Amino acid sequence: MTRTVIKEQAKSSQYTLYLNGPTQVPHSIDMGASEPLLKRLRPGDNVTVTLWRDYATAVRQGKISQETADTPQGEPAFVCALALAALSGGAYGLYAGGTALTRARRHAVQGLPATLVTRGKEAAGAALCTLPALVVGDFTNVPVMLMVWLGLLPLVRWVVHQQQQRSTGRHARPPAPTA
């Protein structure tokens, strides 16, 4: 261990442990708090760092151990939410692109169909549904998060349909059946 930085301020605090050691051990670790170990350490002290994957999850010296702020907690839910949002946009992109390619001649004469706008609104709504699903995923787990997202999709479709029923204009007509 080379040094510690403890800055306790009202709005922003810093509790950093600086290390020198093997390459897999990070050079600095955010400890999250000064107790029970960080404030006792002095330059040159030997510490044991617990590594899990690429995370330094705990630091120990003798019988005193302290968990760090470097944890993967919440990361799977965030990655899942990002993937769901990308899936929503990607699925719409495939649908719109496929529709444009297979019916290009008709669209050139008649214009773009209302279904593209409708499906675009549904895709945007599905992407927005990842936000409440992420909140639930932070308190539970990824499978529950997926169930919340899937459960919200019919609601999105209903809201878009209701909005289209009340709206007027070229893109307000209900989507034509595709064959």
N, C-alpha and C. Protein backbone atom coordinates (compact mmCIF):
# COMPACT_ATOMS: atom_id res chain seq x y z
N MET A 1 0.85 -1.16 0.00
CA MET A 1 0.00 0.00 0.00
C MET A 1 0.90 1.23 0.00
N THR A 2 0.56 2.22 -0.85
CA THR A 2 1.42 3.41 -0.92
C THR A 2 0.87 4.59 -0.12
N ARG A 3 -0.45 4.82 -0.21
CA ARG A 3 -1.03 5.93 0.54
C ARG A 3 -2.55 5.82 0.57
N THR A 4 -3.15 6.64 1.43
CA THR A 4 -4.61 6.73 1.50
C THR A 4 -5.01 8.19 1.37
N VAL A 5 -6.21 8.40 0.86
CA VAL A 5 -6.79 9.74 0.78
C VAL A 5 -8.17 9.67 1.43
N ILE A 6 -8.33 10.45 2.49
CA ILE A 6 -9.61 10.53 3.18
C ILE A 6 -10.01 12.00 3.23
N LYS A 7 -11.05 12.34 2.46
CA LYS A 7 -11.60 13.70 2.45
C LYS A 7 -13.08 13.59 2.76
N GLU A 8 -13.45 13.97 3.95
CA GLU A 8 -14.85 13.91 4.36
C GLU A 8 -15.44 15.31 4.28
N GLN A 9 -16.31 15.51 3.28
CA GLN A 9 -16.97 16.79 3.07
C GLN A 9 -18.47 16.57 3.02
N ALA A 10 -19.21 17.63 3.16
CA ALA A 10 -20.67 17.52 3.23
C ALA A 10 -21.27 16.93 1.95
N LYS A 11 -20.85 17.40 0.78
CA LYS A 11 -21.49 16.96 -0.46
C LYS A 11 -20.68 15.92 -1.22
N SER A 12 -19.38 15.89 -1.03
CA SER A 12 -18.58 14.90 -1.74
C SER A 12 -17.42 14.46 -0.85
N SER A 13 -17.36 13.17 -0.64
CA SER A 13 -16.28 12.62 0.16
C SER A 13 -15.43 11.71 -0.72
N GLN A 14 -14.19 11.54 -0.31
CA GLN A 14 -13.28 10.68 -1.05
C GLN A 14 -12.57 9.76 -0.07
N TYR A 15 -12.63 8.47 -0.36
CA TYR A 15 -11.98 7.46 0.46
C TYR A 15 -11.24 6.52 -0.50
N THR A 16 -9.99 6.85 -0.79
CA THR A 16 -9.24 6.12 -1.80
C THR A 16 -8.01 5.47 -1.19
N LEU A 17 -7.79 4.24 -1.60
CA LEU A 17 -6.60 3.49 -1.19
C LEU A 17 -5.74 3.29 -2.43
N TYR A 18 -4.48 3.70 -2.36
CA TYR A 18 -3.54 3.55 -3.47
C TYR A 18 -2.62 2.39 -3.18
N LEU A 19 -2.46 1.52 -4.18
CA LEU A 19 -1.70 0.28 -4.00
C LEU A 19 -0.58 0.16 -5.02
N ASN A 20 0.40 -0.62 -4.64
CA ASN A 20 1.39 -1.08 -5.61
C ASN A 20 1.49 -2.59 -5.43
N GLY A 21 1.43 -3.31 -6.51
CA GLY A 21 1.43 -4.76 -6.41
C GLY A 21 1.37 -5.37 -7.80
N PRO A 22 0.93 -6.61 -7.87
CA PRO A 22 0.83 -7.28 -9.17
C PRO A 22 -0.09 -6.51 -10.14
N THR A 23 0.06 -6.78 -11.41
CA THR A 23 -0.68 -6.03 -12.43
C THR A 23 -2.19 -6.22 -12.33
N GLN A 24 -2.66 -7.35 -11.84
CA GLN A 24 -4.11 -7.55 -11.75
C GLN A 24 -4.75 -6.75 -10.61
N VAL A 25 -3.96 -6.27 -9.67
CA VAL A 25 -4.47 -5.47 -8.56
C VAL A 25 -4.55 -4.01 -9.03
N PRO A 26 -5.70 -3.35 -8.86
CA PRO A 26 -5.80 -1.96 -9.29
C PRO A 26 -4.85 -1.05 -8.50
N HIS A 27 -4.46 0.06 -9.12
CA HIS A 27 -3.56 1.00 -8.46
C HIS A 27 -4.29 1.87 -7.44
N SER A 28 -5.60 2.03 -7.62
CA SER A 28 -6.39 2.77 -6.64
C SER A 28 -7.75 2.11 -6.50
N ILE A 29 -8.29 2.15 -5.28
CA ILE A 29 -9.58 1.55 -4.99
C ILE A 29 -10.41 2.56 -4.21
N ASP A 30 -11.65 2.74 -4.64
CA ASP A 30 -12.60 3.57 -3.88
C ASP A 30 -13.14 2.70 -2.76
N MET A 31 -12.84 3.08 -1.53
CA MET A 31 -13.22 2.27 -0.37
C MET A 31 -14.62 2.58 0.12
N GLY A 32 -15.21 3.69 -0.25
CA GLY A 32 -16.56 4.02 0.15
C GLY A 32 -16.70 4.64 1.53
N ALA A 33 -15.79 4.34 2.43
CA ALA A 33 -15.83 4.88 3.80
C ALA A 33 -14.44 4.72 4.42
N SER A 34 -14.22 5.40 5.54
CA SER A 34 -12.92 5.31 6.20
C SER A 34 -12.87 4.20 7.24
N GLU A 35 -14.01 3.71 7.66
CA GLU A 35 -14.09 2.65 8.67
C GLU A 35 -14.39 1.32 8.02
N PRO A 36 -13.98 0.23 8.52
CA PRO A 36 -13.18 0.04 9.72
C PRO A 36 -11.67 0.00 9.46
N LEU A 37 -11.26 -0.08 8.17
CA LEU A 37 -9.84 -0.32 7.89
C LEU A 37 -9.09 0.87 7.35
N LEU A 38 -9.65 1.61 6.44
CA LEU A 38 -8.90 2.62 5.68
C LEU A 38 -8.18 3.61 6.58
N LYS A 39 -8.82 4.13 7.60
CA LYS A 39 -8.18 5.16 8.43
C LYS A 39 -7.04 4.59 9.29
N ARG A 40 -6.94 3.27 9.42
CA ARG A 40 -5.88 2.64 10.21
C ARG A 40 -4.62 2.36 9.39
N LEU A 41 -4.73 2.43 8.07
CA LEU A 41 -3.61 2.06 7.21
C LEU A 41 -2.57 3.18 7.12
N ARG A 42 -1.31 2.78 7.02
CA ARG A 42 -0.18 3.70 6.85
C ARG A 42 0.63 3.26 5.63
N PRO A 43 1.33 4.21 4.98
CA PRO A 43 2.15 3.83 3.82
C PRO A 43 3.12 2.71 4.18
N GLY A 44 3.18 1.72 3.28
CA GLY A 44 4.07 0.57 3.50
C GLY A 44 3.36 -0.62 4.11
N ASP A 45 2.15 -0.44 4.64
CA ASP A 45 1.41 -1.58 5.21
C ASP A 45 1.09 -2.59 4.12
N ASN A 46 1.12 -3.86 4.49
CA ASN A 46 0.73 -4.93 3.57
C ASN A 46 -0.76 -5.22 3.76
N VAL A 47 -1.46 -5.28 2.66
CA VAL A 47 -2.88 -5.59 2.69
C VAL A 47 -3.17 -6.71 1.70
N THR A 48 -4.28 -7.38 1.92
CA THR A 48 -4.74 -8.42 1.00
C THR A 48 -5.98 -7.90 0.29
N VAL A 49 -5.97 -7.95 -1.02
CA VAL A 49 -7.09 -7.47 -1.82
C VAL A 49 -7.85 -8.67 -2.36
N THR A 50 -9.15 -8.70 -2.14
CA THR A 50 -9.99 -9.77 -2.67
C THR A 50 -10.49 -9.33 -4.03
N LEU A 51 -10.14 -10.11 -5.06
CA LEU A 51 -10.54 -9.81 -6.42
C LEU A 51 -11.63 -10.77 -6.86
N TRP A 52 -12.64 -10.25 -7.52
CA TRP A 52 -13.66 -11.07 -8.16
C TRP A 52 -13.83 -10.53 -9.56
N ARG A 53 -13.46 -11.34 -10.54
CA ARG A 53 -13.40 -10.92 -11.94
C ARG A 53 -12.50 -9.69 -12.03
N ASP A 54 -13.02 -8.56 -12.48
CA ASP A 54 -12.19 -7.35 -12.57
C ASP A 54 -12.46 -6.38 -11.43
N TYR A 55 -13.06 -6.85 -10.37
CA TYR A 55 -13.45 -5.98 -9.26
C TYR A 55 -12.63 -6.31 -8.01
N ALA A 56 -12.20 -5.25 -7.32
CA ALA A 56 -11.57 -5.40 -6.02
C ALA A 56 -12.68 -5.21 -4.99
N THR A 57 -13.20 -6.30 -4.46
CA THR A 57 -14.41 -6.22 -3.64
C THR A 57 -14.14 -5.99 -2.16
N ALA A 58 -12.93 -6.31 -1.68
CA ALA A 58 -12.63 -6.13 -0.25
C ALA A 58 -11.12 -6.00 -0.06
N VAL A 59 -10.76 -5.34 1.03
CA VAL A 59 -9.36 -5.19 1.43
C VAL A 59 -9.26 -5.65 2.89
N ARG A 60 -8.20 -6.42 3.18
CA ARG A 60 -8.04 -6.94 4.53
C ARG A 60 -6.60 -6.73 4.98
N GLN A 61 -6.47 -6.42 6.27
CA GLN A 61 -5.16 -6.38 6.91
C GLN A 61 -5.33 -7.08 8.25
N GLY A 62 -4.65 -8.20 8.38
CA GLY A 62 -4.80 -8.99 9.59
C GLY A 62 -6.23 -9.50 9.70
N LYS A 63 -6.88 -9.20 10.83
CA LYS A 63 -8.25 -9.66 11.04
C LYS A 63 -9.30 -8.60 10.67
N ILE A 64 -8.85 -7.41 10.28
CA ILE A 64 -9.77 -6.33 9.93
C ILE A 64 -9.96 -6.31 8.41
N SER A 65 -11.22 -6.32 8.01
CA SER A 65 -11.56 -6.34 6.59
C SER A 65 -12.57 -5.23 6.30
N GLN A 66 -12.52 -4.69 5.09
CA GLN A 66 -13.47 -3.66 4.68
C GLN A 66 -13.88 -3.92 3.24
N GLU A 67 -15.19 -3.90 3.00
CA GLU A 67 -15.69 -4.00 1.63
C GLU A 67 -15.43 -2.68 0.91
N THR A 68 -15.21 -2.77 -0.39
CA THR A 68 -14.95 -1.57 -1.19
C THR A 68 -16.21 -1.13 -1.91
N ALA A 69 -16.13 0.00 -2.57
CA ALA A 69 -17.25 0.48 -3.39
C ALA A 69 -17.16 -0.07 -4.80
N ASP A 70 -16.14 -0.87 -5.09
CA ASP A 70 -15.92 -1.42 -6.42
C ASP A 70 -16.62 -2.78 -6.53
N THR A 71 -17.93 -2.75 -6.78
CA THR A 71 -18.69 -3.99 -6.89
C THR A 71 -19.46 -4.01 -8.19
N PRO A 72 -19.76 -5.19 -8.68
CA PRO A 72 -20.56 -5.30 -9.91
C PRO A 72 -22.05 -5.24 -9.64
N GLN A 73 -22.45 -4.92 -8.43
CA GLN A 73 -23.86 -4.90 -8.08
C GLN A 73 -24.61 -3.90 -8.95
N GLY A 74 -25.68 -4.34 -9.56
CA GLY A 74 -26.49 -3.50 -10.43
C GLY A 74 -26.05 -3.51 -11.88
N GLU A 75 -24.86 -4.00 -12.15
CA GLU A 75 -24.37 -4.00 -13.53
C GLU A 75 -25.19 -4.90 -14.45
N PRO A 76 -25.55 -6.13 -14.04
CA PRO A 76 -26.35 -6.96 -14.95
C PRO A 76 -27.68 -6.32 -15.31
N ALA A 77 -28.34 -5.68 -14.37
CA ALA A 77 -29.62 -5.04 -14.67
C ALA A 77 -29.43 -3.89 -15.66
N PHE A 78 -28.38 -3.11 -15.50
CA PHE A 78 -28.12 -2.00 -16.41
C PHE A 78 -27.81 -2.51 -17.82
N VAL A 79 -26.98 -3.54 -17.91
CA VAL A 79 -26.64 -4.10 -19.21
C VAL A 79 -27.88 -4.68 -19.88
N CYS A 80 -28.75 -5.32 -19.09
CA CYS A 80 -29.99 -5.88 -19.64
C CYS A 80 -30.90 -4.75 -20.15
N ALA A 81 -31.02 -3.66 -19.40
CA ALA A 81 -31.85 -2.54 -19.83
C ALA A 81 -31.32 -1.94 -21.13
N LEU A 82 -30.02 -1.81 -21.20
CA LEU A 82 -29.40 -1.29 -22.42
C LEU A 82 -29.68 -2.22 -23.61
N ALA A 83 -29.58 -3.51 -23.37
CA ALA A 83 -29.86 -4.48 -24.44
C ALA A 83 -31.32 -4.44 -24.86
N LEU A 84 -32.24 -4.30 -23.91
CA LEU A 84 -33.66 -4.23 -24.26
C LEU A 84 -33.98 -2.98 -25.08
N ALA A 85 -33.38 -1.85 -24.71
CA ALA A 85 -33.59 -0.62 -25.48
C ALA A 85 -33.03 -0.78 -26.90
N ALA A 86 -31.85 -1.38 -27.01
CA ALA A 86 -31.25 -1.60 -28.33
C ALA A 86 -32.07 -2.61 -29.13
N LEU A 87 -32.60 -3.62 -28.45
CA LEU A 87 -33.46 -4.60 -29.12
C LEU A 87 -34.71 -3.94 -29.68
N SER A 88 -35.30 -3.04 -28.93
CA SER A 88 -36.50 -2.33 -29.40
C SER A 88 -36.20 -1.54 -30.67
N GLY A 89 -35.13 -0.77 -30.63
CA GLY A 89 -34.75 0.02 -31.79
C GLY A 89 -34.32 -0.84 -32.96
N GLY A 90 -33.59 -1.91 -32.68
CA GLY A 90 -33.12 -2.80 -33.74
C GLY A 90 -34.25 -3.54 -34.42
N ALA A 91 -35.22 -4.01 -33.62
CA ALA A 91 -36.36 -4.72 -34.20
C ALA A 91 -37.17 -3.78 -35.09
N TYR A 92 -37.36 -2.53 -34.63
CA TYR A 92 -38.07 -1.57 -35.46
C TYR A 92 -37.27 -1.28 -36.73
N GLY A 93 -35.97 -1.12 -36.60
CA GLY A 93 -35.14 -0.86 -37.78
C GLY A 93 -35.22 -1.98 -38.80
N LEU A 94 -35.23 -3.23 -38.31
CA LEU A 94 -35.38 -4.36 -39.23
C LEU A 94 -36.75 -4.35 -39.91
N TYR A 95 -37.78 -4.07 -39.12
CA TYR A 95 -39.13 -4.02 -39.68
C TYR A 95 -39.24 -2.91 -40.72
N ALA A 96 -38.79 -1.72 -40.37
CA ALA A 96 -38.90 -0.58 -41.30
C ALA A 96 -38.05 -0.81 -42.55
N GLY A 97 -36.85 -1.32 -42.36
CA GLY A 97 -35.99 -1.58 -43.50
C GLY A 97 -36.54 -2.66 -44.41
N GLY A 98 -37.05 -3.72 -43.80
CA GLY A 98 -37.64 -4.80 -44.59
C GLY A 98 -38.86 -4.34 -45.35
N THR A 99 -39.69 -3.53 -44.69
CA THR A 99 -40.87 -2.98 -45.35
C THR A 99 -40.46 -2.08 -46.51
N ALA A 100 -39.48 -1.26 -46.29
CA ALA A 100 -39.03 -0.34 -47.34
C ALA A 100 -38.45 -1.10 -48.53
N LEU A 101 -37.73 -2.17 -48.25
CA LEU A 101 -37.13 -2.94 -49.35
C LEU A 101 -38.16 -3.75 -50.13
N THR A 102 -39.06 -4.40 -49.40
CA THR A 102 -40.01 -5.28 -50.10
C THR A 102 -41.13 -4.54 -50.80
N ARG A 103 -41.43 -3.33 -50.38
CA ARG A 103 -42.53 -2.58 -50.97
C ARG A 103 -42.08 -1.21 -51.47
N ALA A 104 -40.87 -1.11 -51.93
CA ALA A 104 -40.29 0.17 -52.35
C ALA A 104 -41.09 0.82 -53.48
N ARG A 105 -41.48 0.03 -54.46
CA ARG A 105 -42.21 0.59 -55.60
C ARG A 105 -43.55 1.18 -55.16
N ARG A 106 -44.27 0.46 -54.30
CA ARG A 106 -45.58 0.94 -53.81
C ARG A 106 -45.39 2.20 -52.97
N HIS A 107 -44.38 2.22 -52.12
CA HIS A 107 -44.14 3.39 -51.26
C HIS A 107 -43.73 4.61 -52.08
N ALA A 108 -43.04 4.38 -53.19
CA ALA A 108 -42.65 5.50 -54.05
C ALA A 108 -43.88 6.17 -54.67
N VAL A 109 -44.91 5.39 -54.94
CA VAL A 109 -46.12 5.93 -55.56
C VAL A 109 -47.09 6.45 -54.51
N GLN A 110 -47.33 5.66 -53.44
CA GLN A 110 -48.37 5.99 -52.46
C GLN A 110 -47.86 6.70 -51.22
N GLY A 111 -46.57 6.73 -51.01
CA GLY A 111 -46.01 7.32 -49.79
C GLY A 111 -45.82 6.26 -48.72
N LEU A 112 -45.20 6.66 -47.65
CA LEU A 112 -44.94 5.71 -46.56
C LEU A 112 -46.23 5.35 -45.84
N PRO A 113 -46.36 4.11 -45.44
CA PRO A 113 -47.59 3.70 -44.75
C PRO A 113 -47.60 4.18 -43.30
N ALA A 114 -48.81 4.27 -42.76
CA ALA A 114 -48.97 4.69 -41.37
C ALA A 114 -48.40 3.66 -40.40
N THR A 115 -48.28 2.41 -40.85
CA THR A 115 -47.75 1.38 -39.95
C THR A 115 -46.31 1.68 -39.52
N LEU A 116 -45.54 2.32 -40.37
CA LEU A 116 -44.16 2.64 -39.99
C LEU A 116 -44.14 3.61 -38.83
N VAL A 117 -45.00 4.60 -38.85
CA VAL A 117 -45.07 5.57 -37.76
C VAL A 117 -45.59 4.89 -36.50
N THR A 118 -46.62 4.08 -36.65
CA THR A 118 -47.20 3.38 -35.50
C THR A 118 -46.17 2.47 -34.85
N ARG A 119 -45.50 1.66 -35.65
CA ARG A 119 -44.50 0.74 -35.09
C ARG A 119 -43.31 1.51 -34.51
N GLY A 120 -43.01 2.66 -35.08
CA GLY A 120 -41.94 3.50 -34.52
C GLY A 120 -42.29 4.01 -33.13
N LYS A 121 -43.55 4.42 -32.96
CA LYS A 121 -44.00 4.86 -31.63
C LYS A 121 -43.98 3.71 -30.64
N GLU A 122 -44.38 2.54 -31.09
CA GLU A 122 -44.35 1.36 -30.22
C GLU A 122 -42.91 1.01 -29.83
N ALA A 123 -41.99 1.11 -30.78
CA ALA A 123 -40.58 0.81 -30.47
C ALA A 123 -40.01 1.83 -29.48
N ALA A 124 -40.35 3.10 -29.66
CA ALA A 124 -39.88 4.12 -28.71
C ALA A 124 -40.47 3.87 -27.33
N GLY A 125 -41.74 3.49 -27.28
CA GLY A 125 -42.37 3.17 -26.00
C GLY A 125 -41.74 1.95 -25.35
N ALA A 126 -41.41 0.95 -26.15
CA ALA A 126 -40.76 -0.25 -25.61
C ALA A 126 -39.38 0.10 -25.05
N ALA A 127 -38.68 0.98 -25.74
CA ALA A 127 -37.37 1.41 -25.23
C ALA A 127 -37.53 2.18 -23.92
N LEU A 128 -38.56 3.01 -23.82
CA LEU A 128 -38.80 3.75 -22.58
C LEU A 128 -39.22 2.83 -21.43
N CYS A 129 -39.84 1.71 -21.76
CA CYS A 129 -40.25 0.75 -20.73
C CYS A 129 -39.05 0.12 -20.02
N THR A 130 -37.87 0.27 -20.59
CA THR A 130 -36.69 -0.28 -19.92
C THR A 130 -36.37 0.50 -18.65
N LEU A 131 -36.79 1.75 -18.57
CA LEU A 131 -36.50 2.55 -17.37
C LEU A 131 -37.21 2.02 -16.13
N PRO A 132 -38.55 1.83 -16.15
CA PRO A 132 -39.16 1.24 -14.95
C PRO A 132 -38.69 -0.19 -14.70
N ALA A 133 -38.43 -0.92 -15.77
CA ALA A 133 -37.92 -2.29 -15.60
C ALA A 133 -36.55 -2.27 -14.92
N LEU A 134 -35.72 -1.29 -15.26
CA LEU A 134 -34.40 -1.16 -14.62
C LEU A 134 -34.54 -0.87 -13.14
N VAL A 135 -35.48 -0.02 -12.78
CA VAL A 135 -35.70 0.29 -11.36
C VAL A 135 -36.09 -0.98 -10.61
N VAL A 136 -36.99 -1.76 -11.19
CA VAL A 136 -37.39 -3.03 -10.56
C VAL A 136 -36.21 -3.99 -10.51
N GLY A 137 -35.42 -4.03 -11.58
CA GLY A 137 -34.25 -4.92 -11.64
C GLY A 137 -33.20 -4.59 -10.60
N ASP A 138 -33.10 -3.32 -10.21
CA ASP A 138 -32.14 -2.94 -9.17
C ASP A 138 -32.52 -3.53 -7.82
N PHE A 139 -33.83 -3.73 -7.58
CA PHE A 139 -34.29 -4.27 -6.30
C PHE A 139 -34.49 -5.77 -6.33
N THR A 140 -34.60 -6.35 -7.53
CA THR A 140 -34.84 -7.78 -7.63
C THR A 140 -33.71 -8.44 -8.41
N ASN A 141 -34.04 -8.96 -9.59
CA ASN A 141 -33.02 -9.57 -10.44
C ASN A 141 -33.43 -9.43 -11.91
N VAL A 142 -32.57 -9.90 -12.80
CA VAL A 142 -32.79 -9.70 -14.23
C VAL A 142 -34.04 -10.43 -14.74
N PRO A 143 -34.32 -11.67 -14.35
CA PRO A 143 -35.55 -12.30 -14.85
C PRO A 143 -36.82 -11.53 -14.47
N VAL A 144 -36.88 -11.01 -13.27
CA VAL A 144 -38.04 -10.20 -12.87
C VAL A 144 -38.09 -8.93 -13.70
N MET A 145 -36.95 -8.36 -13.96
CA MET A 145 -36.87 -7.15 -14.79
C MET A 145 -37.42 -7.43 -16.19
N LEU A 146 -37.05 -8.57 -16.77
CA LEU A 146 -37.56 -8.94 -18.09
C LEU A 146 -39.08 -9.12 -18.07
N MET A 147 -39.60 -9.71 -17.01
CA MET A 147 -41.04 -9.91 -16.90
C MET A 147 -41.77 -8.57 -16.81
N VAL A 148 -41.20 -7.61 -16.09
CA VAL A 148 -41.80 -6.28 -16.00
C VAL A 148 -41.81 -5.62 -17.38
N TRP A 149 -40.70 -5.71 -18.09
CA TRP A 149 -40.60 -5.11 -19.42
C TRP A 149 -41.62 -5.74 -20.36
N LEU A 150 -41.68 -7.07 -20.37
CA LEU A 150 -42.64 -7.76 -21.23
C LEU A 150 -44.08 -7.44 -20.83
N GLY A 151 -44.32 -7.27 -19.54
CA GLY A 151 -45.65 -6.92 -19.07
C GLY A 151 -46.08 -5.52 -19.47
N LEU A 152 -45.12 -4.62 -19.65
CA LEU A 152 -45.44 -3.24 -20.04
C LEU A 152 -45.68 -3.09 -21.54
N LEU A 153 -45.21 -4.02 -22.35
CA LEU A 153 -45.33 -3.89 -23.80
C LEU A 153 -46.79 -3.83 -24.28
N PRO A 154 -47.71 -4.67 -23.76
CA PRO A 154 -49.11 -4.50 -24.19
C PRO A 154 -49.68 -3.14 -23.81
N LEU A 155 -49.26 -2.59 -22.69
CA LEU A 155 -49.70 -1.26 -22.29
C LEU A 155 -49.23 -0.21 -23.30
N VAL A 156 -48.00 -0.33 -23.75
CA VAL A 156 -47.47 0.59 -24.76
C VAL A 156 -48.29 0.50 -26.03
N ARG A 157 -48.57 -0.71 -26.45
CA ARG A 157 -49.35 -0.89 -27.68
C ARG A 157 -50.74 -0.29 -27.54
N TRP A 158 -51.36 -0.48 -26.36
CA TRP A 158 -52.69 0.08 -26.11
C TRP A 158 -52.65 1.62 -26.13
N VAL A 159 -51.64 2.21 -25.49
CA VAL A 159 -51.52 3.67 -25.44
C VAL A 159 -51.33 4.23 -26.85
N VAL A 160 -50.48 3.60 -27.65
CA VAL A 160 -50.27 4.07 -29.02
C VAL A 160 -51.56 3.96 -29.81
N HIS A 161 -52.28 2.86 -29.64
CA HIS A 161 -53.55 2.67 -30.36
C HIS A 161 -54.57 3.73 -29.93
N GLN A 162 -54.66 4.01 -28.62
CA GLN A 162 -55.60 5.02 -28.13
C GLN A 162 -55.23 6.41 -28.66
N GLN A 163 -53.95 6.71 -28.69
CA GLN A 163 -53.49 8.01 -29.20
C GLN A 163 -53.82 8.14 -30.68
N GLN A 164 -53.71 7.07 -31.42
CA GLN A 164 -54.01 7.11 -32.85
C GLN A 164 -55.50 7.27 -33.09
N GLN A 165 -56.33 6.70 -32.24
CA GLN A 165 -57.79 6.83 -32.39
C GLN A 165 -58.24 8.27 -32.20
N ARG A 166 -57.59 8.99 -31.29
CA ARG A 166 -57.97 10.39 -31.01
C ARG A 166 -57.33 11.37 -31.98
N SER A 167 -56.26 10.98 -32.61
CA SER A 167 -55.50 11.89 -33.46
C SER A 167 -56.13 11.98 -34.85
N THR A 168 -55.81 13.06 -35.53
CA THR A 168 -56.25 13.22 -36.92
C THR A 168 -55.01 13.44 -37.76
N GLY A 169 -55.14 13.21 -39.03
CA GLY A 169 -54.02 13.42 -39.93
C GLY A 169 -53.65 12.15 -40.66
N ARG A 170 -52.73 12.27 -41.56
CA ARG A 170 -52.36 11.16 -42.44
C ARG A 170 -51.87 9.94 -41.66
N HIS A 171 -51.08 10.14 -40.63
CA HIS A 171 -50.51 9.02 -39.89
C HIS A 171 -51.40 8.54 -38.76
N ALA A 172 -52.60 9.10 -38.65
CA ALA A 172 -53.49 8.74 -37.56
C ALA A 172 -54.33 7.52 -37.89
N ARG A 173 -54.47 7.21 -39.16
CA ARG A 173 -55.32 6.06 -39.49
C ARG A 173 -54.70 4.78 -38.94
N PRO A 174 -55.54 3.82 -38.57
CA PRO A 174 -54.99 2.59 -38.02
C PRO A 174 -54.15 1.88 -39.05
N PRO A 175 -53.18 1.13 -38.61
CA PRO A 175 -52.31 0.45 -39.57
C PRO A 175 -53.10 -0.51 -40.45
N ALA A 176 -52.75 -0.50 -41.73
CA ALA A 176 -53.37 -1.42 -42.66
C ALA A 176 -52.79 -2.81 -42.44
N PRO A 177 -53.61 -3.83 -42.60
CA PRO A 177 -53.07 -5.19 -42.43
C PRO A 177 -52.02 -5.45 -43.49
N THR A 178 -50.94 -6.06 -43.08
CA THR A 178 -49.87 -6.38 -44.04
C THR A 178 -50.01 -7.83 -44.46
N ALA A 179 -49.80 -8.05 -45.71
CA ALA A 179 -49.93 -9.43 -46.21
C ALA A 179 -48.70 -9.83 -46.96
